[in-house]
Amino acid sequence: MREMIAMYNADMVGRPQTKPAPSFGAQLAALRKARGLTQPQLAQSLGLSVSMLVYYERRACNPTTEFVKKAATVFNVSVDELLDHTLKNSRKSGPPSQLEQRLSAVRQLPRQRQKFLIEILDTFLRDARHPV
């Protein structure tokens, strides 16, 4: 029972949150928990005090680049993954445009044919920019 209380207390440093953590803090905490680390354990790995780690997990909106890189290294993830950057498609989904369909077909051609088409396209674009 004492071990369970010690584990609970080690993971729950400070006062309970009253508002949601910023996205970086939530991602940092999620990675920590997924790795089975307590806040004191992660703080030690990062060379921080526990209160500083709590700050990063609960309140920091703009962590320093140095901290983000160090945390990504400790978790063995990319900075993008730690920052939870995902590419969002700003276009509505639907059928591909005619140009996209043609480009897809060109990608299926042998490399030599692709080079030939690129030369033609480059010539066309150069002439279109500088009409005679």
Protein backbone atom coordinates (compact mmCIF):
# COMPACT_ATOMS: atom_id res chain seq x y z
CA MET A 1 0.00 0.00 0.00
CA ARG A 2 2.84 2.41 0.84
CA GLU A 3 4.39 1.73 -2.57
CA MET A 4 1.12 2.64 -4.32
CA ILE A 5 0.86 5.88 -2.32
CA ALA A 6 4.48 6.73 -3.09
CA MET A 7 3.93 6.09 -6.82
CA TYR A 8 0.76 8.19 -6.79
CA ASN A 9 2.44 11.05 -4.95
CA ALA A 10 5.52 10.94 -7.17
CA ASP A 11 3.38 11.26 -10.27
CA MET A 12 0.95 13.85 -8.94
CA VAL A 13 3.21 16.71 -7.88
CA GLY A 14 1.57 20.01 -7.05
CA ARG A 15 -2.03 21.11 -6.96
CA PRO A 16 -4.58 19.54 -9.32
CA GLN A 17 -5.06 21.28 -12.64
CA THR A 18 -8.00 23.63 -13.00
CA LYS A 19 -7.67 24.16 -16.74
CA PRO A 20 -6.39 22.00 -19.58
CA ALA A 21 -2.68 21.95 -20.30
CA PRO A 22 -1.37 23.57 -23.49
CA SER A 23 -0.93 21.13 -26.36
CA PHE A 24 2.84 20.86 -25.83
CA GLY A 25 2.40 20.07 -22.13
CA ALA A 26 -0.29 17.51 -22.85
CA GLN A 27 1.94 15.81 -25.42
CA LEU A 28 4.91 15.87 -23.05
CA ALA A 29 2.85 14.32 -20.25
CA ALA A 30 1.36 11.73 -22.62
CA LEU A 31 4.82 10.63 -23.78
CA ARG A 32 6.06 10.49 -20.19
CA LYS A 33 3.14 8.33 -19.13
CA ALA A 34 3.43 6.11 -22.21
CA ARG A 35 7.06 5.44 -21.24
CA GLY A 36 6.02 4.62 -17.67
CA LEU A 37 7.97 7.52 -16.17
CA THR A 38 7.02 9.60 -13.16
CA GLN A 39 7.54 13.35 -13.15
CA PRO A 40 10.58 13.06 -10.84
CA GLN A 41 12.14 10.41 -13.11
CA LEU A 42 11.66 12.50 -16.25
CA ALA A 43 12.81 15.67 -14.49
CA GLN A 44 16.02 13.89 -13.54
CA SER A 45 16.55 12.67 -17.13
CA LEU A 46 16.09 16.22 -18.40
CA GLY A 47 18.23 17.79 -15.69
CA LEU A 48 15.29 19.82 -14.33
CA SER A 49 13.60 20.29 -11.01
CA VAL A 50 10.22 18.59 -10.68
CA SER A 51 8.52 21.98 -10.38
CA MET A 52 10.05 23.06 -13.70
CA LEU A 53 8.79 19.88 -15.37
CA VAL A 54 5.33 20.52 -13.89
CA TYR A 55 5.50 24.00 -15.43
CA TYR A 56 6.31 22.54 -18.86
CA GLU A 57 3.52 19.96 -18.58
CA ARG A 58 0.83 22.26 -17.22
CA ARG A 59 1.47 25.86 -18.18
CA ALA A 60 4.22 26.45 -20.75
CA CYS A 61 2.77 27.66 -24.04
CA ASN A 62 6.12 28.41 -25.71
CA PRO A 63 8.85 26.07 -24.48
CA THR A 64 12.39 26.94 -25.46
CA THR A 65 13.89 25.30 -28.51
CA GLU A 66 16.67 23.90 -26.33
CA PHE A 67 14.16 22.21 -24.01
CA VAL A 68 12.11 20.80 -26.90
CA LYS A 69 15.22 19.30 -28.52
CA LYS A 70 16.41 17.83 -25.22
CA ALA A 71 12.99 16.30 -24.45
CA ALA A 72 12.74 14.86 -27.97
CA THR A 73 16.16 13.25 -27.49
CA VAL A 74 15.18 11.79 -24.11
CA PHE A 75 11.98 10.32 -25.59
CA ASN A 76 13.75 9.29 -28.81
CA VAL A 77 11.13 11.03 -30.98
CA SER A 78 11.31 13.80 -33.55
CA VAL A 79 10.72 17.40 -32.51
CA ASP A 80 7.63 17.39 -34.76
CA GLU A 81 6.23 14.39 -32.91
CA LEU A 82 6.90 16.00 -29.54
CA LEU A 83 5.22 19.20 -30.70
CA ASP A 84 2.40 17.07 -32.13
CA HIS A 85 2.73 18.68 -35.54
CA THR A 86 0.61 16.96 -38.10
CA LEU A 87 0.15 18.09 -41.61
CA LYS A 88 -3.38 19.21 -42.12
CA ASN A 89 -4.87 19.18 -45.57
CA SER A 90 -6.36 22.64 -46.08
CA ARG A 91 -8.24 21.57 -49.19
CA LYS A 92 -11.60 19.90 -49.20
CA SER A 93 -11.49 16.26 -50.09
CA GLY A 94 -12.75 15.30 -53.47
CA PRO A 95 -11.55 13.90 -56.73
CA PRO A 96 -8.03 14.91 -57.77
CA SER A 97 -7.72 17.72 -60.29
CA GLN A 98 -6.79 16.98 -63.89
CA LEU A 99 -3.26 18.19 -63.23
CA GLU A 100 -2.92 15.91 -60.19
CA GLN A 101 -4.22 12.98 -62.25
CA ARG A 102 -1.65 13.68 -64.97
CA LEU A 103 1.17 14.02 -62.43
CA SER A 104 0.18 10.71 -60.90
CA ALA A 105 0.33 9.09 -64.34
CA VAL A 106 3.75 10.66 -65.01
CA ARG A 107 5.05 9.24 -61.72
CA GLN A 108 4.24 5.76 -63.03
CA LEU A 109 6.39 6.21 -66.14
CA PRO A 110 9.99 4.97 -66.37
CA ARG A 111 12.58 7.50 -65.16
CA GLN A 112 13.84 8.24 -68.68
CA ARG A 113 10.34 9.19 -69.90
CA GLN A 114 9.85 11.36 -66.81
CA LYS A 115 13.06 13.26 -67.60
CA PHE A 116 11.90 13.81 -71.17
CA LEU A 117 8.56 15.22 -70.01
CA ILE A 118 10.29 17.45 -67.46
CA GLU A 119 12.49 18.91 -70.21
CA ILE A 120 9.40 19.66 -72.32
CA LEU A 121 7.61 21.20 -69.35
CA ASP A 122 10.66 23.32 -68.42
CA THR A 123 10.89 24.60 -72.00
CA PHE A 124 7.17 25.43 -72.05
CA LEU A 125 7.34 27.28 -68.73
CA ARG A 126 10.47 29.21 -69.72
CA ASP A 127 8.80 30.30 -72.99
CA ALA A 128 5.57 31.23 -71.16
CA ARG A 129 7.50 33.54 -68.79
CA HIS A 130 9.44 35.22 -71.58
CA PRO A 131 7.19 35.33 -74.65
CA VAL A 132 8.88 36.40 -77.87
